Protein backbone atom coordinates (compact mmCIF):
# COMPACT_ATOMS: atom_id res chain seq x y z
CA UNK A 1 -102.72 64.68 11.56
CA UNK A 2 -98.98 62.47 11.66
CA UNK A 3 -97.24 61.34 8.91
CA UNK A 4 -94.07 59.52 8.76
CA UNK A 5 -90.88 60.99 7.46
CA UNK A 6 -89.81 57.66 5.69
CA UNK A 7 -93.25 57.73 4.01
CA UNK A 8 -92.56 61.11 2.50
CA UNK A 9 -88.93 60.39 1.51
CA UNK A 10 -90.22 57.91 -0.28
CA UNK A 11 -92.51 59.87 -2.78
CA UNK A 12 -89.89 62.02 -3.15
CA UNK A 13 -86.30 62.34 -5.79
CA UNK A 14 -83.51 61.42 -4.05
CA UNK A 15 -81.43 63.88 -2.26
CA UNK A 16 -78.47 65.15 -4.11
CA UNK A 17 -75.30 64.32 -1.70
CA UNK A 18 -73.01 67.02 -3.45
CA UNK A 19 -70.26 68.58 -0.90
CA UNK A 20 -72.33 71.96 -1.43
CA UNK A 21 -71.24 72.89 1.89
CA UNK A 22 -67.76 73.12 0.72
CA UNK A 23 -68.89 75.14 -2.17
CA UNK A 24 -70.62 77.49 0.10
CA UNK A 25 -67.55 78.06 2.20
CA UNK A 26 -65.56 79.28 -0.59
CA UNK A 27 -68.63 81.65 -1.73
CA UNK A 28 -69.09 83.29 1.49
CA UNK A 29 -65.60 83.91 2.05
CA UNK A 30 -65.21 85.26 -1.44
CA UNK A 31 -67.69 87.58 -0.47
CA UNK A 32 -65.59 89.66 1.74
CA UNK A 33 -68.72 90.74 4.14
CA UNK A 34 -69.60 90.12 7.15
CA UNK A 35 -72.94 88.04 8.04
CA UNK A 36 -74.55 89.59 11.31
CA UNK A 37 -76.94 86.95 12.95
CA UNK A 38 -79.32 88.99 14.82
CA UNK A 39 -81.00 86.42 17.41
CA UNK A 40 -84.05 86.49 19.38
CA UNK A 41 -82.92 84.50 21.99
CA UNK A 42 -79.27 82.92 23.00
CA UNK A 43 -79.94 79.66 21.79
CA UNK A 44 -79.55 80.15 17.99
CA UNK A 45 -75.59 79.17 18.27
CA UNK A 46 -76.62 75.92 19.03
CA UNK A 47 -75.38 74.97 15.64
CA UNK A 48 -71.70 76.52 15.56
CA UNK A 49 -68.28 76.79 17.08
CA UNK A 50 -65.62 79.56 17.61
CA UNK A 51 -68.04 82.41 16.03
CA UNK A 52 -68.40 85.66 18.58
CA UNK A 53 -71.43 86.59 20.73
CA UNK A 54 -72.39 90.06 21.44
CA UNK A 55 -75.15 91.91 23.85
CA UNK A 56 -74.13 95.10 22.64
CA UNK A 57 -75.44 96.78 19.06
CA UNK A 58 -74.00 100.73 19.41
CA UNK A 59 -72.87 102.48 16.54
CA UNK A 60 -69.25 101.67 17.49
CA UNK A 61 -69.87 97.81 18.28
CA UNK A 62 -70.50 97.41 14.15
CA UNK A 63 -67.65 99.82 13.30
CA UNK A 64 -65.07 97.73 15.24
CA UNK A 65 -65.93 94.45 13.97
CA UNK A 66 -66.36 95.78 10.22
CA UNK A 67 -62.96 97.19 10.34
CA UNK A 68 -61.73 93.72 11.93
CA UNK A 69 -63.67 92.21 9.14
CA UNK A 70 -65.27 89.39 11.65
CA UNK A 71 -66.69 87.54 8.83
CA UNK A 72 -69.74 86.28 10.77
CA UNK A 73 -70.97 87.16 14.34
CA UNK A 74 -74.03 87.07 16.65
CA UNK A 75 -76.17 90.13 17.87
CA UNK A 76 -77.85 88.41 21.42
CA UNK A 77 -81.03 90.87 21.63
CA UNK A 78 -83.06 88.19 23.84
CA UNK A 79 -86.21 90.08 22.16
CA UNK A 80 -88.55 86.88 22.28
CA UNK A 81 -88.97 88.77 25.84
CA UNK A 82 -89.74 91.60 25.51
CA UNK A 83 -92.93 93.36 24.06
CA UNK A 84 -93.30 93.30 20.22
CA UNK A 85 -93.20 97.23 20.76
CA UNK A 86 -89.97 96.84 22.54
CA UNK A 87 -88.36 94.13 19.86
CA UNK A 88 -89.32 96.59 17.29
CA UNK A 89 -87.38 99.60 18.52
CA UNK A 90 -84.33 97.26 19.27
CA UNK A 91 -84.40 95.65 15.73
CA UNK A 92 -85.03 99.37 13.95
CA UNK A 93 -81.66 100.60 16.08
CA UNK A 94 -79.55 97.81 15.16
CA UNK A 95 -80.64 97.75 11.32
CA UNK A 96 -79.77 101.60 11.17
CA UNK A 97 -76.28 101.04 12.87
CA UNK A 98 -75.11 98.43 11.08
CA UNK A 99 -76.24 100.10 7.72
CA UNK A 100 -74.22 103.32 9.24
CA UNK A 101 -71.34 101.15 10.26
CA UNK A 102 -70.79 99.95 6.73
CA UNK A 103 -71.11 102.95 4.98
CA UNK A 104 -68.35 104.65 7.19
CA UNK A 105 -66.15 101.36 6.50
CA UNK A 106 -67.42 100.50 3.01
CA UNK A 107 -67.47 97.21 4.19
CA UNK A 108 -70.80 94.63 2.82
CA UNK A 109 -73.17 92.55 5.12
CA UNK A 110 -75.63 90.43 5.58
CA UNK A 111 -78.92 89.91 7.77
CA UNK A 112 -79.97 86.88 9.38
CA UNK A 113 -83.54 87.32 11.96
CA UNK A 114 -82.54 84.43 13.60
CA UNK A 115 -85.73 83.04 15.64
CA UNK A 116 -87.49 79.71 16.87
CA UNK A 117 -87.50 76.52 15.13
CA UNK A 118 -91.15 75.50 16.73
CA UNK A 119 -91.97 79.27 15.12
CA UNK A 120 -92.79 81.12 18.41
CA UNK A 121 -91.02 84.80 18.58
CA UNK A 122 -91.92 88.53 17.15
CA UNK A 123 -92.42 87.81 13.66
CA UNK A 124 -93.00 91.50 12.82
CA UNK A 125 -89.18 92.11 13.48
CA UNK A 126 -88.59 91.34 9.82
CA UNK A 127 -90.47 94.78 8.57
CA UNK A 128 -88.79 96.65 11.45
CA UNK A 129 -85.61 95.49 9.54
CA UNK A 130 -87.09 95.75 6.35
CA UNK A 131 -87.89 100.32 6.93
CA UNK A 132 -84.04 100.06 7.56
CA UNK A 133 -83.80 101.32 3.92
CA UNK A 134 -81.81 98.29 2.84
CA UNK A 135 -83.90 96.15 2.29
CA UNK A 136 -86.53 97.88 0.72
CA UNK A 137 -86.08 96.12 -2.53
CA UNK A 138 -84.98 92.71 -1.01
CA UNK A 139 -87.01 89.07 -0.91
CA UNK A 140 -87.16 87.25 2.55
CA UNK A 141 -86.28 83.66 2.60
CA UNK A 142 -88.27 82.47 5.54
CA UNK A 143 -86.47 79.08 6.63
CA UNK A 144 -87.69 77.94 10.14
CA UNK A 145 -85.74 74.05 9.36
CA UNK A 146 -83.51 72.77 12.10
CA UNK A 147 -82.43 69.80 11.97
CA UNK A 148 -81.00 68.69 15.13
CA UNK A 149 -84.21 69.22 17.12
CA UNK A 150 -85.81 67.50 14.05
CA UNK A 151 -88.05 70.31 12.15
CA UNK A 152 -88.50 69.86 8.87
CA UNK A 153 -90.48 71.80 5.88
CA UNK A 154 -91.94 69.55 3.54
CA UNK A 155 -94.86 71.04 0.82
CA UNK A 156 -94.89 74.24 2.70
CA UNK A 157 -95.99 73.05 5.68
CA UNK A 158 -93.55 72.78 8.86
CA UNK A 159 -93.05 69.45 11.05
CA UNK A 160 -91.91 68.55 14.15
CA UNK A 161 -90.33 64.88 13.97
CA UNK A 162 -90.07 62.64 16.48
CA UNK A 163 -89.67 58.92 16.43
CA UNK A 164 -89.86 59.02 12.83
CA UNK A 165 -93.51 60.98 12.44
CA UNK A 166 -93.85 64.07 11.55
CA UNK A 167 -96.65 66.30 13.63
CA UNK A 168 -97.48 69.51 12.54
CA UNK A 169 -96.37 72.44 14.50
CA UNK A 170 -100.12 73.65 15.07
CA UNK A 171 -100.60 70.12 16.69
CA UNK A 172 -98.02 70.78 19.19
CA UNK A 173 -97.55 72.88 22.65
CA UNK A 174 -95.59 75.11 21.10
CA UNK A 175 -98.57 76.81 18.75
CA UNK A 176 -100.63 77.02 22.26
CA UNK A 177 -97.77 79.22 23.53
CA UNK A 178 -99.46 81.46 26.18
CA UNK A 179 -97.35 84.62 24.57
CA UNK A 180 -97.14 83.40 20.64
CA UNK A 181 -99.49 81.08 19.81
CA UNK A 182 -100.74 80.77 16.29
CA UNK A 183 -103.19 78.50 14.17
CA UNK A 184 -101.02 77.45 11.72
CA UNK A 185 -98.42 74.91 9.87
CA UNK A 186 -98.63 75.87 6.61
CA UNK A 187 -95.71 78.44 6.40
CA UNK A 188 -97.85 80.55 3.75
CA UNK A 189 -100.74 80.68 5.78
CA UNK A 190 -98.83 81.18 8.60
CA UNK A 191 -96.93 84.13 7.13
CA UNK A 192 -100.70 85.55 6.43
CA UNK A 193 -101.67 85.33 10.33
CA UNK A 194 -98.11 87.10 11.89
CA UNK A 195 -98.27 89.42 9.25
CA UNK A 196 -102.23 90.62 10.14
CA UNK A 197 -102.97 89.59 6.63
CA UNK A 198 -100.84 92.50 5.13
CA UNK A 199 -99.08 89.69 3.24
CA UNK A 200 -101.85 86.80 1.75
CA UNK A 201 -100.72 83.43 1.51
CA UNK A 202 -101.37 83.10 -1.89
CA UNK A 203 -98.48 85.98 -2.28
CA UNK A 204 -95.91 83.88 -0.72
CA UNK A 205 -93.45 81.83 -2.90
CA UNK A 206 -91.96 78.83 -2.33
CA UNK A 207 -89.16 76.37 -3.27
CA UNK A 208 -90.42 72.91 -3.41
CA UNK A 209 -87.97 70.04 -2.65
CA UNK A 210 -88.82 68.55 -5.21
CA UNK A 211 -86.98 71.40 -7.24
CA UNK A 212 -84.38 71.32 -4.94
CA UNK A 213 -82.99 68.10 -5.88
CA UNK A 214 -83.25 67.59 -9.41
CA UNK A 215 -82.52 71.17 -10.67
CA UNK A 216 -78.78 72.25 -11.04
CA UNK A 217 -77.47 75.36 -9.29
CA UNK A 218 -77.66 77.19 -12.21
CA UNK A 219 -81.80 76.62 -12.52
CA UNK A 220 -82.29 77.23 -8.93
CA UNK A 221 -80.06 80.49 -9.05
CA UNK A 222 -82.51 81.56 -11.68
CA UNK A 223 -85.57 81.20 -9.85
CA UNK A 224 -84.27 83.06 -7.15
CA UNK A 225 -83.58 85.63 -9.12
CA UNK A 226 -87.40 85.49 -10.80
CA UNK A 227 -88.98 86.65 -7.24
CA UNK A 228 -89.75 89.77 -7.05
CA UNK A 229 -88.82 92.45 -4.74
CA UNK A 230 -90.51 92.32 -1.12
CA UNK A 231 -91.97 88.69 -1.57
CA UNK A 232 -91.83 85.85 1.27
CA UNK A 233 -90.45 82.69 0.10
CA UNK A 234 -90.83 79.53 1.79
CA UNK A 235 -87.61 77.37 1.50
CA UNK A 236 -88.15 73.46 1.74
CA UNK A 237 -86.05 71.02 3.56
CA UNK A 238 -85.66 68.05 4.58
CA UNK A 239 -81.93 67.78 5.81
CA UNK A 240 -78.95 69.08 5.42
CA UNK A 241 -78.06 67.92 1.45
CA UNK A 242 -81.50 69.78 0.75
CA UNK A 243 -80.37 72.98 2.76
CA UNK A 244 -76.24 73.11 1.55
CA UNK A 245 -77.46 72.73 -2.35
CA UNK A 246 -80.51 75.56 -1.88
CA UNK A 247 -78.17 77.81 0.45
CA UNK A 248 -75.48 77.63 -2.73
CA UNK A 249 -77.82 79.32 -5.39
CA UNK A 250 -78.99 81.37 -2.79
CA UNK A 251 -75.10 82.78 -2.47
CA UNK A 252 -74.83 83.08 -6.18
CA UNK A 253 -77.93 85.47 -6.55
CA UNK A 254 -76.81 87.38 -3.95
CA UNK A 255 -73.26 87.12 -6.00
CA UNK A 256 -75.20 88.65 -8.80
CA UNK A 257 -76.94 91.23 -7.04
CA UNK A 258 -80.14 89.73 -5.51
CA UNK A 259 -80.78 91.66 -2.44
CA UNK A 260 -82.19 88.69 0.49
CA UNK A 261 -83.11 89.04 3.93
CA UNK A 262 -83.40 86.08 6.19
CA UNK A 263 -85.72 85.04 8.86
CA UNK A 264 -84.26 81.25 9.60
CA UNK A 265 -83.62 79.09 12.41
CA UNK A 266 -79.90 78.02 13.77
CA UNK A 267 -79.50 75.28 10.85
CA UNK A 268 -79.09 77.93 8.31
CA UNK A 269 -76.21 79.77 9.87
CA UNK A 270 -73.87 76.83 9.66
CA UNK A 271 -74.79 76.41 6.01
CA UNK A 272 -74.50 79.84 4.74
CA UNK A 273 -71.24 80.07 5.96
CA UNK A 274 -69.65 76.38 5.11
CA UNK A 275 -69.32 75.69 8.87
CA UNK A 276 -68.12 72.13 8.76
CA UNK A 277 -69.31 70.03 11.62
CA UNK A 278 -67.37 69.61 14.70
CA UNK A 279 -68.01 66.97 17.26
CA UNK A 280 -69.77 67.04 20.44
CA UNK A 281 -67.44 68.77 23.34
CA UNK A 282 -66.14 66.16 25.38
CA UNK A 283 -66.11 66.99 29.86
CA UNK A 284 -62.61 66.93 29.64
CA UNK A 285 -62.50 70.02 26.75
CA UNK A 286 -65.17 72.03 29.09
CA UNK A 287 -64.47 71.45 32.69
CA UNK A 288 -61.40 73.24 34.49
CA UNK A 289 -59.94 69.91 36.31
CA UNK A 290 -58.43 72.36 39.36
CA UNK A 291 -62.14 73.51 40.44
CA UNK A 292 -63.31 70.82 42.92
CA UNK A 293 -66.60 73.33 43.24
CA UNK A 294 -69.63 71.69 42.27
CA UNK A 295 -71.93 72.92 39.37
CA UNK A 296 -74.82 74.60 38.99
CA UNK A 297 -78.08 74.00 36.95
CA UNK A 298 -81.01 76.96 36.75
CA UNK A 299 -83.75 75.81 35.07
CA UNK A 300 -86.45 78.52 34.22
CA UNK A 301 -88.23 77.39 31.27
CA UNK A 302 -91.72 76.32 31.09
CA UNK A 303 -92.28 75.00 28.04
CA UNK A 304 -93.45 71.06 28.71
CA UNK A 305 -90.26 69.53 27.26
CA UNK A 306 -87.81 71.34 29.72
CA UNK A 307 -90.77 69.98 32.60
CA UNK A 308 -90.42 66.50 31.40
CA UNK A 309 -86.57 66.89 31.40
CA UNK A 310 -86.96 68.54 34.76
CA UNK A 311 -89.25 65.76 36.11
CA UNK A 312 -86.54 63.20 35.12
CA UNK A 313 -83.89 64.53 36.83
CA UNK A 314 -85.75 64.92 40.13
CA UNK A 315 -86.99 61.18 39.93
CA UNK A 316 -83.78 60.09 39.06
CA UNK A 317 -81.18 61.70 41.19
CA UNK A 318 -79.93 61.14 44.35
CA UNK A 319 -76.73 62.79 45.22
CA UNK A 320 -77.22 66.30 43.62
CA UNK A 321 -78.73 68.90 45.87
CA UNK A 322 -82.69 69.92 44.68
CA UNK A 323 -83.81 73.56 45.62
CA UNK A 324 -87.31 74.50 44.36
CA UNK A 325 -88.13 78.41 43.85
CA UNK A 326 -91.41 79.18 44.86
CA UNK A 327 -92.63 81.33 41.83
CA UNK A 328 -95.33 82.44 44.21
CA UNK A 329 -93.39 83.82 46.49
CA UNK A 330 -90.92 85.63 44.07
CA UNK A 331 -94.09 87.61 42.91
CA UNK A 332 -94.70 89.00 46.44
CA UNK A 333 -92.85 91.13 48.61
CA UNK A 334 -91.16 88.01 50.85
CA UNK A 335 -88.72 87.71 47.50
CA UNK A 336 -85.47 89.17 49.45
CA UNK A 337 -85.62 87.41 52.19
CA UNK A 338 -86.62 83.85 50.45
CA UNK A 339 -83.75 84.50 47.67
CA UNK A 340 -81.02 85.59 50.05
CA UNK A 341 -81.39 81.94 51.98
CA UNK A 342 -81.62 80.03 48.48
CA UNK A 343 -78.18 81.73 47.94
CA UNK A 344 -76.76 81.27 50.64
CA UNK A 345 -77.57 77.18 50.54
CA UNK A 346 -76.27 77.68 46.98
CA UNK A 347 -72.71 78.46 47.70
CA UNK A 348 -72.65 76.17 50.97
CA UNK A 349 -73.55 73.06 48.86
CA UNK A 350 -70.86 74.23 45.56
CA UNK A 351 -68.33 75.12 47.74
CA UNK A 352 -68.22 71.35 49.76
CA UNK A 353 -68.32 69.59 45.70
CA UNK A 354 -71.80 68.79 45.22
CA UNK A 355 -73.94 70.10 42.50
CA UNK A 356 -77.33 72.33 42.90
CA UNK A 357 -80.05 71.99 40.67
CA UNK A 358 -82.65 75.22 40.49
CA UNK A 359 -85.66 75.26 39.52
CA UNK A 360 -88.60 77.51 39.25
CA UNK A 361 -92.11 75.68 40.80
CA UNK A 362 -93.50 74.38 37.82
CA UNK A 363 -97.35 75.74 38.32
CA UNK A 364 -98.12 78.60 35.30
CA UNK A 365 -98.85 81.82 36.26
CA UNK A 366 -101.07 83.77 33.48
CA UNK A 367 -101.98 87.35 33.12
CA UNK A 368 -104.32 88.96 31.51
CA UNK A 369 -102.51 89.73 28.34
CA UNK A 370 -99.22 89.05 26.28
CA UNK A 371 -97.53 92.37 27.90
CA UNK A 372 -98.70 90.96 31.57
CA UNK A 373 -97.32 87.47 30.97
CA UNK A 374 -94.22 88.46 29.70
CA UNK A 375 -93.84 91.17 32.96
CA UNK A 376 -94.23 87.82 34.95
CA UNK A 377 -91.45 85.67 33.04
CA UNK A 378 -88.66 89.07 33.28
CA UNK A 379 -89.87 89.41 37.14
CA UNK A 380 -88.94 85.39 37.49
CA UNK A 381 -85.92 85.89 35.70
CA UNK A 382 -84.67 89.04 37.38
CA UNK A 383 -84.77 86.35 40.92
CA UNK A 384 -82.72 84.12 39.05
CA UNK A 385 -80.03 86.56 37.94
CA UNK A 386 -79.77 88.00 41.68
CA UNK A 387 -79.04 84.07 42.42
CA UNK A 388 -75.86 84.63 40.37
CA UNK A 389 -75.02 87.68 41.14
CA UNK A 390 -75.68 86.88 44.79
CA UNK A 391 -73.31 84.30 45.04
CA UNK A 392 -69.60 84.15 46.17
CA UNK A 393 -68.50 80.62 45.05
CA UNK A 394 -67.31 80.24 41.68
CA UNK A 395 -69.06 76.86 40.02
CA UNK A 396 -67.38 74.00 38.10
CA UNK A 397 -70.29 75.33 35.44
CA UNK A 398 -73.28 76.70 34.92
CA UNK A 399 -76.02 75.27 33.15
CA UNK A 400 -78.70 77.77 32.26
CA UNK A 401 -82.50 75.69 30.45
CA UNK A 402 -84.56 78.07 28.65
CA UNK A 403 -83.44 80.71 26.09
CA UNK A 404 -84.77 83.95 28.53
CA UNK A 405 -83.06 82.55 31.52
CA UNK A 406 -79.44 81.74 29.64
CA UNK A 407 -79.95 85.63 28.08
CA UNK A 408 -80.30 87.55 31.42
CA UNK A 409 -78.06 85.00 33.56
CA UNK A 410 -75.46 86.12 30.75
CA UNK A 411 -75.35 88.98 30.73
CA UNK A 412 -77.07 90.54 33.68
CA UNK A 413 -75.77 87.81 36.15
CA UNK A 414 -72.44 87.20 34.86
CA UNK A 415 -72.14 90.67 32.83
CA UNK A 416 -71.57 89.11 29.69
CA UNK A 417 -70.07 91.78 27.07
CA UNK A 418 -68.57 89.83 24.09
CA UNK A 419 -68.20 86.10 24.43
CA UNK A 420 -67.84 83.23 22.22
CA UNK A 421 -69.48 79.56 21.58
CA UNK A 422 -66.98 76.72 21.75
CA UNK A 423 -69.41 74.07 20.71
CA UNK A 424 -71.95 71.57 21.70
CA UNK A 425 -72.16 69.14 24.28
CA UNK A 426 -75.11 67.96 23.09
CA UNK A 427 -77.29 68.08 19.46
CA UNK A 428 -78.49 71.74 19.62
CA UNK A 429 -77.00 72.32 23.24
CA UNK A 430 -74.13 75.07 22.96
CA UNK A 431 -71.31 75.59 25.55
CA UNK A 432 -69.88 79.49 25.30
CA UNK A 433 -66.58 80.60 26.88
CA UNK A 434 -67.19 83.66 29.48
CA UNK A 435 -65.40 86.42 28.39
CA UNK A 436 -62.55 88.47 30.20
CA UNK A 437 -65.35 91.33 31.61
CA UNK A 438 -67.44 88.56 32.84
CA UNK A 439 -67.92 87.25 36.74
CA UNK A 440 -66.34 84.51 36.36
CA UNK A 441 -63.91 85.02 33.04
CA UNK A 442 -63.38 81.58 31.16
CA UNK A 443 -66.62 79.48 33.21
CA UNK A 444 -68.01 77.29 31.28
CA UNK A 445 -71.55 78.08 30.11
CA UNK A 446 -74.21 75.68 28.97
CA UNK A 447 -76.80 76.68 27.22
CA UNK A 448 -79.77 74.81 27.02
CA UNK A 449 -82.71 75.57 24.80
CA UNK A 450 -86.28 74.60 26.41
CA UNK A 451 -87.13 73.00 23.27
CA UNK A 452 -84.06 70.56 22.55
CA UNK A 453 -83.37 66.95 23.80
CA UNK A 454 -85.32 64.31 24.85
CA UNK A 455 -86.87 62.89 28.59
CA UNK A 456 -82.96 61.67 29.26
CA UNK A 457 -80.99 65.00 28.27
CA UNK A 458 -80.71 67.52 31.32
CA UNK A 459 -80.25 64.51 33.39
CA UNK A 460 -77.70 63.20 30.89
CA UNK A 461 -75.55 66.41 30.48
CA UNK A 462 -75.25 66.93 34.27
CA UNK A 463 -73.98 63.27 35.00
CA UNK A 464 -71.16 64.15 31.93
CA UNK A 465 -70.08 66.81 33.97
CA UNK A 466 -70.23 65.95 37.15
């Protein structure tokens, strides 16, 4: 059942429009600690800029960043593409290394476990972090709002807003994801479902929008302080005014000793560090005018939004080279020869200054279990990596559509270790500048999440960069 954003907004107190973002910036800076965003796929930096992105998490990596007093960094794990067992193993290793590096350098830290605004991902990653020992007395804030994509939470129910209509996420295609499906949009019930009932819905607390809008910071901070250790707390918010205000209370609670672990989507990160909004990047700021080659777009994501965006590109593109990758051939013993022919075609086309759009066939091939689905996805993603490692021509830009796709192309295809997010080309669509260790240093790399934008967004970016 849908409802309108306007109808719900009319029933709520007016939002507090004070500039809490500026206060958050001061509070975070004076805390003198490093915020580590452990991201389960590479799209969580879609709301920030000028922040380092790392694909390694050894002890020395954290020691180096703590010694440099890096205020914030992203660790890109791509754990959403892995089994729950492997994901847990990675998060335990990261948590252990962060804690040890903190002790060796005497630098404090905050961990944000960044995941999907449509609630897909391994919720067990929270427990893996908690078991590091550092967070045994912490409360866990669950904040999946992502306003750039219309994801909001009100009355503890998580919605996707499209054309002013609020659709509960369990009534969308995201809830039937073949690996991370779920049945509840009420976040208290969702937590019970994802913790396999080890956390009961009636034990989860929440901060409602009415309280956030009407209470002062001192009262909100007191409410946060009163939450018993070990509890989950849901934050309701319809916009950045709500989120920035409650985040100021969270920062004040931390300052006075409250231990808080965060499981959030991407809107929370700029609010927490007090990052001011930045205008969208222009093509002139992204593209090297000396590179006369064509651009390369690779679409691997299968979510319905990606498929509709791809369909629009195919139906409205005549001057671009379209190359479909047959997934059934990729999964067969003919894959190697098949890919070699495609690599040759890509090189020839972009070398003549023409853009290429490569996409996987849209027929979804499903295995017999969640792990077999992940295995199929990994094989397809590896084939796309082979395309990037195989091309000889440097594209004008590389656009990767989908979280798993963009991570694998960056880390395995371009061999990225430490890069930087430059900003966004469209709301929720980040652009990275590839580091000097990569295959094409300085290459503009566009990470287009599977579930962001409207039908025309992919076409809009490709046309903008032509």
